[in-house]
């Protein structure tokens, strides 16, 4: 098969592209390289630098494509609060531009990487796909709006659509910006640097952390499994873990004792988030294979930013 991946040089896009080409597929990728790293891509992946809102470029890239993975997005939640217009332009406008281009060229299948953040605070845990979304940030709103556009345009123009609501993916080479860094690479870096880990609130808030390899496997299955058209499917570990537990496990694996500081004045977001992954298991045979401890250890061992520092244990 021939695939187009938007956001191909990103945290999820690169391992997905590399896995597809290693399986013998043809992959062309689009990325503006604002956060992506082209060095992570296999030489067999054809990378084109460009903007997701460049429809003429999309027309060219979509020629002969069997399936599109739409991963291009801005993804930093606090940043979206400051710049909601930019998040709307890329995450919503870019999605509509892509769907228009697919309609124009005649590509008939798209897999969209959405986010578990669209659920917001929910009383019912784990969270099923049938729950009413309660987005609490412009980022989450943009992902939900993109879901609706994909579903509606897909219905109107007979394009097969699969929406994967990915929860807190983590793993080697996850983007680590100087501000608003994701919890896991931030904690690992601070621990290995013998620095200070700042925990927002009491650290009791939970998230569903899922290793990147499990997410990639789910994405690859979504391209070839039949009977998924119009479905929204959670992709997570099915387990919730508090920030405090993340910190403790990182310290245990790395055998470090960083200073822990609690910032009680910072918004922690939803208090609990855990994915119900029964639909993914039923429809795609999805079963996450990497435990949190294994995933943290793999991240420390495989991420070049953390090498030549303390060695993780072998438990």
Protein backbone atom coordinates (compact mmCIF):
# COMPACT_ATOMS: atom_id res chain seq x y z
CA UNK A 1 0.00 0.00 0.00
CA UNK A 2 0.97 3.63 -0.45
CA UNK A 3 0.49 5.95 2.53
CA UNK A 4 0.63 9.68 3.14
CA UNK A 5 1.48 10.66 6.71
CA UNK A 6 1.03 14.26 7.79
CA UNK A 7 3.27 15.20 10.69
CA UNK A 8 5.59 12.40 9.56
CA UNK A 9 8.66 13.64 11.45
CA UNK A 10 6.83 13.93 14.75
CA UNK A 11 6.88 11.76 17.83
CA UNK A 12 4.26 9.31 16.50
CA UNK A 13 4.71 9.96 12.80
CA UNK A 14 8.35 8.87 12.54
CA UNK A 15 8.04 5.42 14.14
CA UNK A 16 4.80 4.84 12.24
CA UNK A 17 6.46 5.69 8.92
CA UNK A 18 9.50 3.55 9.71
CA UNK A 19 7.33 0.58 10.66
CA UNK A 20 5.29 0.88 7.47
CA UNK A 21 8.31 0.97 5.15
CA UNK A 22 9.92 -1.92 7.02
CA UNK A 23 6.78 -3.90 6.23
CA UNK A 24 7.24 -3.14 2.54
CA UNK A 25 4.80 -0.24 2.14
CA UNK A 26 5.47 3.02 0.31
CA UNK A 27 5.37 6.14 2.50
CA UNK A 28 5.38 9.81 1.61
CA UNK A 29 5.33 12.25 4.46
CA UNK A 30 4.49 15.92 4.97
CA UNK A 31 5.92 17.93 7.86
CA UNK A 32 6.72 21.60 8.46
CA UNK A 33 9.54 20.49 10.82
CA UNK A 34 8.45 23.00 13.47
CA UNK A 35 8.91 20.28 16.10
CA UNK A 36 9.65 17.15 14.08
CA UNK A 37 13.09 15.61 13.56
CA UNK A 38 13.79 14.35 10.01
CA UNK A 39 16.84 12.41 11.23
CA UNK A 40 14.49 9.92 12.90
CA UNK A 41 13.06 8.85 9.54
CA UNK A 42 14.21 5.89 7.50
CA UNK A 43 15.86 6.81 4.17
CA UNK A 44 13.00 4.91 2.52
CA UNK A 45 10.47 7.50 3.72
CA UNK A 46 9.98 10.30 1.20
CA UNK A 47 9.81 13.48 3.29
CA UNK A 48 8.37 16.67 1.85
CA UNK A 49 8.63 19.84 3.90
CA UNK A 50 5.46 21.86 3.78
CA UNK A 51 2.36 23.22 5.47
CA UNK A 52 -0.79 21.20 6.09
CA UNK A 53 -2.86 24.09 4.71
CA UNK A 54 -1.05 24.02 1.32
CA UNK A 55 -3.74 22.35 -0.76
CA UNK A 56 -1.85 22.33 -4.10
CA UNK A 57 1.03 20.52 -2.40
CA UNK A 58 -1.43 18.04 -0.89
CA UNK A 59 -2.90 17.40 -4.35
CA UNK A 60 0.56 16.34 -5.52
CA UNK A 61 1.38 14.21 -2.50
CA UNK A 62 -1.97 12.39 -2.57
CA UNK A 63 -1.48 10.98 -6.06
CA UNK A 64 -1.66 7.20 -5.92
CA UNK A 65 -2.18 7.13 -2.14
CA UNK A 66 -4.36 4.37 -0.69
CA UNK A 67 -4.66 5.67 2.88
CA UNK A 68 -3.81 8.85 4.80
CA UNK A 69 -2.62 9.09 8.39
CA UNK A 70 -3.42 12.59 9.65
CA UNK A 71 -1.10 13.33 12.56
CA UNK A 72 -0.04 16.94 11.83
CA UNK A 73 -1.09 19.17 14.72
CA UNK A 74 -0.01 21.60 17.36
CA UNK A 75 -0.22 19.70 20.62
CA UNK A 76 0.84 21.76 23.66
CA UNK A 77 -2.24 22.34 25.80
CA UNK A 78 -1.05 25.44 27.75
CA UNK A 79 0.19 27.00 24.51
CA UNK A 80 -3.27 26.53 22.99
CA UNK A 81 -4.72 28.64 25.81
CA UNK A 82 -2.46 31.51 24.75
CA UNK A 83 -2.80 31.03 20.99
CA UNK A 84 -6.21 29.48 20.24
CA UNK A 85 -6.39 31.05 16.78
CA UNK A 86 -3.17 29.33 15.69
CA UNK A 87 -4.40 26.00 17.05
CA UNK A 88 -7.65 26.41 15.16
CA UNK A 89 -5.77 27.27 11.96
CA UNK A 90 -3.54 24.19 12.06
CA UNK A 91 -5.61 21.55 13.85
CA UNK A 92 -9.02 22.42 12.41
CA UNK A 93 -8.24 24.36 9.24
CA UNK A 94 -5.47 21.94 8.28
CA UNK A 95 -7.82 18.99 8.73
CA UNK A 96 -10.45 20.57 6.48
CA UNK A 97 -7.80 21.41 3.86
CA UNK A 98 -6.61 17.80 3.88
CA UNK A 99 -10.13 16.40 3.56
CA UNK A 100 -10.85 18.75 0.64
CA UNK A 101 -7.67 17.64 -1.09
CA UNK A 102 -8.53 13.97 -0.52
CA UNK A 103 -11.97 14.61 -2.01
CA UNK A 104 -10.42 16.34 -5.01
CA UNK A 105 -7.88 13.58 -5.70
CA UNK A 106 -10.16 10.67 -4.83
CA UNK A 107 -8.35 9.15 -1.85
CA UNK A 108 -10.87 7.07 0.07
CA UNK A 109 -9.47 6.30 3.56
CA UNK A 110 -8.13 8.47 6.38
CA UNK A 111 -7.00 7.59 9.91
CA UNK A 112 -7.03 10.56 12.25
CA UNK A 113 -4.96 10.79 15.42
CA UNK A 114 -7.26 12.53 17.87
CA UNK A 115 -6.76 12.89 21.63
CA UNK A 116 -8.17 11.56 24.87
CA UNK A 117 -8.13 15.16 26.10
CA UNK A 118 -11.46 15.75 24.36
CA UNK A 119 -13.19 13.90 27.21
CA UNK A 120 -12.15 16.38 29.91
CA UNK A 121 -13.42 15.70 33.43
CA UNK A 122 -15.67 12.65 33.52
CA UNK A 123 -17.26 10.90 36.48
CA UNK A 124 -17.27 7.56 34.71
CA UNK A 125 -13.88 5.83 34.50
CA UNK A 126 -12.57 4.21 32.40
CA UNK A 127 -13.92 6.44 29.65
CA UNK A 128 -15.86 4.89 26.80
CA UNK A 129 -16.10 6.42 23.34
CA UNK A 130 -19.83 7.03 23.87
CA UNK A 131 -19.29 9.58 26.65
CA UNK A 132 -20.21 13.17 25.86
CA UNK A 133 -16.96 15.12 25.31
CA UNK A 134 -16.13 17.94 27.70
CA UNK A 135 -13.03 19.64 26.25
CA UNK A 136 -11.29 22.00 28.65
CA UNK A 137 -8.68 23.63 26.41
CA UNK A 138 -8.54 25.11 22.90
CA UNK A 139 -6.32 22.16 21.95
CA UNK A 140 -9.01 19.67 22.99
CA UNK A 141 -11.69 21.75 21.23
CA UNK A 142 -9.60 21.77 18.04
CA UNK A 143 -9.25 17.98 18.10
CA UNK A 144 -12.98 17.50 18.68
CA UNK A 145 -13.86 19.93 15.89
CA UNK A 146 -11.48 18.09 13.56
CA UNK A 147 -13.23 14.81 14.44
CA UNK A 148 -16.58 16.28 13.43
CA UNK A 149 -15.20 17.66 10.16
CA UNK A 150 -13.60 14.34 9.26
CA UNK A 151 -16.77 12.40 10.05
CA UNK A 152 -19.06 14.80 8.19
CA UNK A 153 -16.90 15.28 5.10
CA UNK A 154 -16.30 11.54 5.03
CA UNK A 155 -20.06 10.93 5.01
CA UNK A 156 -20.66 13.52 2.29
CA UNK A 157 -17.89 12.35 -0.04
CA UNK A 158 -17.82 8.61 0.75
CA UNK A 159 -14.37 8.70 2.35
CA UNK A 160 -13.70 5.96 4.91
CA UNK A 161 -12.76 7.50 8.26
CA UNK A 162 -11.26 6.02 11.42
CA UNK A 163 -10.68 8.24 14.46
CA UNK A 164 -8.21 7.06 17.10
CA UNK A 165 -8.39 8.92 20.39
CA UNK A 166 -4.83 8.49 21.61
CA UNK A 167 -4.26 9.06 25.31
CA UNK A 168 -0.91 10.06 26.87
CA UNK A 169 1.60 8.49 24.50
CA UNK A 170 5.22 8.45 25.63
CA UNK A 171 8.53 6.90 24.64
CA UNK A 172 12.00 7.63 23.23
CA UNK A 173 12.51 10.94 21.43
CA UNK A 174 9.29 12.55 22.63
CA UNK A 175 9.47 16.30 22.08
CA UNK A 176 10.85 18.01 25.18
CA UNK A 177 10.28 21.77 24.92
CA UNK A 178 11.81 24.11 27.53
CA UNK A 179 8.32 25.02 28.76
CA UNK A 180 5.21 22.86 29.19
CA UNK A 181 7.14 19.62 28.74
CA UNK A 182 5.28 16.28 28.82
CA UNK A 183 5.38 14.65 32.25
CA UNK A 184 7.42 11.52 31.50
CA UNK A 185 10.42 12.91 29.57
CA UNK A 186 10.48 15.89 31.93
CA UNK A 187 10.66 13.67 35.02
CA UNK A 188 13.32 11.44 33.47
CA UNK A 189 15.48 14.39 32.44
CA UNK A 190 15.24 16.09 35.82
CA UNK A 191 15.95 12.86 37.67
CA UNK A 192 19.00 11.95 35.59
CA UNK A 193 20.31 15.53 35.78
CA UNK A 194 19.87 15.45 39.57
CA UNK A 195 17.59 18.45 39.18
CA UNK A 196 14.25 19.46 40.67
CA UNK A 197 10.95 17.91 39.63
CA UNK A 198 8.04 20.34 39.91
CA UNK A 199 4.75 18.53 40.44
CA UNK A 200 1.58 20.50 39.75
CA UNK A 201 -0.99 20.31 42.55
CA UNK A 202 -0.75 17.34 44.89
CA UNK A 203 0.31 15.01 42.08
CA UNK A 204 -2.75 12.79 42.53
CA UNK A 205 -4.17 13.56 39.07
CA UNK A 206 -4.10 10.45 36.87
CA UNK A 207 -3.54 9.87 33.17
CA UNK A 208 -3.51 6.86 30.88
CA UNK A 209 0.11 6.54 29.70
CA UNK A 210 0.59 4.34 26.64
CA UNK A 211 3.95 3.41 25.11
CA UNK A 212 4.63 4.63 21.59
CA UNK A 213 5.08 1.11 20.14
CA UNK A 214 1.58 0.15 21.24
CA UNK A 215 0.13 3.28 19.62
CA UNK A 216 1.96 2.59 16.36
CA UNK A 217 0.67 -0.99 16.32
CA UNK A 218 -2.88 0.27 16.76
CA UNK A 219 -2.43 2.79 13.95
CA UNK A 220 -1.06 0.16 11.59
CA UNK A 221 -3.94 -2.20 12.35
CA UNK A 222 -6.43 0.59 11.68
CA UNK A 223 -5.23 0.82 8.08
CA UNK A 224 -5.92 -2.79 7.17
CA UNK A 225 -8.73 -3.91 9.49
CA UNK A 226 -12.18 -4.00 7.91
CA UNK A 227 -15.36 -2.79 9.59
CA UNK A 228 -13.90 0.36 11.16
CA UNK A 229 -15.52 2.98 8.95
CA UNK A 230 -16.89 5.96 10.98
CA UNK A 231 -15.71 4.47 14.27
CA UNK A 232 -14.10 6.41 17.09
CA UNK A 233 -11.70 4.18 19.02
CA UNK A 234 -9.72 4.81 22.20
CA UNK A 235 -6.03 3.92 22.19
CA UNK A 236 -4.45 3.75 25.63
CA UNK A 237 -3.11 1.32 28.19
CA UNK A 238 -6.43 0.89 29.99
CA UNK A 239 -4.73 1.82 33.26
CA UNK A 240 -4.50 5.14 35.10
CA UNK A 241 -1.34 6.33 36.83
CA UNK A 242 -0.87 9.37 39.04
CA UNK A 243 1.91 11.89 38.52
CA UNK A 244 3.25 10.95 41.96
CA UNK A 245 3.53 7.32 40.83
CA UNK A 246 5.35 8.37 37.66
CA UNK A 247 7.88 10.31 39.74
CA UNK A 248 8.38 7.41 42.16
CA UNK A 249 8.87 4.88 39.38
CA UNK A 250 11.33 7.08 37.50
CA UNK A 251 13.34 7.58 40.69
CA UNK A 252 13.31 3.85 41.39
CA UNK A 253 14.42 2.80 37.90
CA UNK A 254 17.09 5.49 37.62
CA UNK A 255 18.26 5.13 41.23
CA UNK A 256 18.18 8.90 41.71
CA UNK A 257 16.82 11.22 44.37
CA UNK A 258 15.87 14.53 42.74
CA UNK A 259 14.24 17.26 44.78
CA UNK A 260 10.42 17.19 44.53
CA UNK A 261 8.56 20.50 44.71
CA UNK A 262 4.77 20.83 44.58
CA UNK A 263 3.26 23.83 42.82
CA UNK A 264 -0.21 24.12 44.33
CA UNK A 265 -1.19 27.11 42.18
CA UNK A 266 -0.96 25.44 38.78
CA UNK A 267 -4.01 24.06 36.98
CA UNK A 268 -3.67 20.27 36.85
CA UNK A 269 -6.40 19.70 34.25
CA UNK A 270 -8.84 16.77 34.60
CA UNK A 271 -8.49 14.89 37.89
CA UNK A 272 -8.68 11.43 36.30
CA UNK A 273 -8.25 10.02 32.81
CA UNK A 274 -8.32 6.34 31.91
CA UNK A 275 -9.24 4.84 28.55
CA UNK A 276 -11.71 2.05 28.09
CA UNK A 277 -9.93 0.07 25.35
CA UNK A 278 -12.50 -2.71 24.97
CA UNK A 279 -13.66 -1.43 21.56
CA UNK A 280 -10.08 -1.38 20.24
CA UNK A 281 -9.62 -4.92 21.47
CA UNK A 282 -12.89 -6.07 19.92
CA UNK A 283 -12.51 -4.36 16.54
CA UNK A 284 -8.72 -4.46 16.01
CA UNK A 285 -7.43 -7.10 18.40
CA UNK A 286 -5.56 -4.33 20.22
CA UNK A 287 -3.73 -5.32 23.38
CA UNK A 288 -1.05 -3.01 24.81
CA UNK A 289 2.08 -5.07 25.40
CA UNK A 290 4.41 -2.68 27.24
CA UNK A 291 3.90 -2.04 30.95
CA UNK A 292 4.58 1.41 32.36
CA UNK A 293 7.76 0.28 34.09
CA UNK A 294 9.01 -1.42 30.92
CA UNK A 295 8.15 1.66 28.88
CA UNK A 296 9.98 4.00 31.22
CA UNK A 297 13.03 1.77 31.17
CA UNK A 298 12.96 1.53 27.37
CA UNK A 299 12.69 5.32 27.16
CA UNK A 300 15.74 5.82 29.36
CA UNK A 301 17.77 3.22 27.46
CA UNK A 302 16.81 4.18 23.90
CA UNK A 303 16.50 7.99 24.04
CA UNK A 304 19.86 9.49 23.07
CA UNK A 305 19.21 12.50 25.31
CA UNK A 306 19.28 10.23 28.36
CA UNK A 307 22.27 8.09 27.39
CA UNK A 308 25.64 8.37 29.13
CA UNK A 309 23.82 9.14 32.34
CA UNK A 310 22.75 6.82 35.11
CA UNK A 311 21.83 3.37 33.85
CA UNK A 312 18.29 2.17 34.55
CA UNK A 313 17.85 -1.07 36.44
CA UNK A 314 17.16 -4.41 34.79
CA UNK A 315 14.07 -5.41 36.73
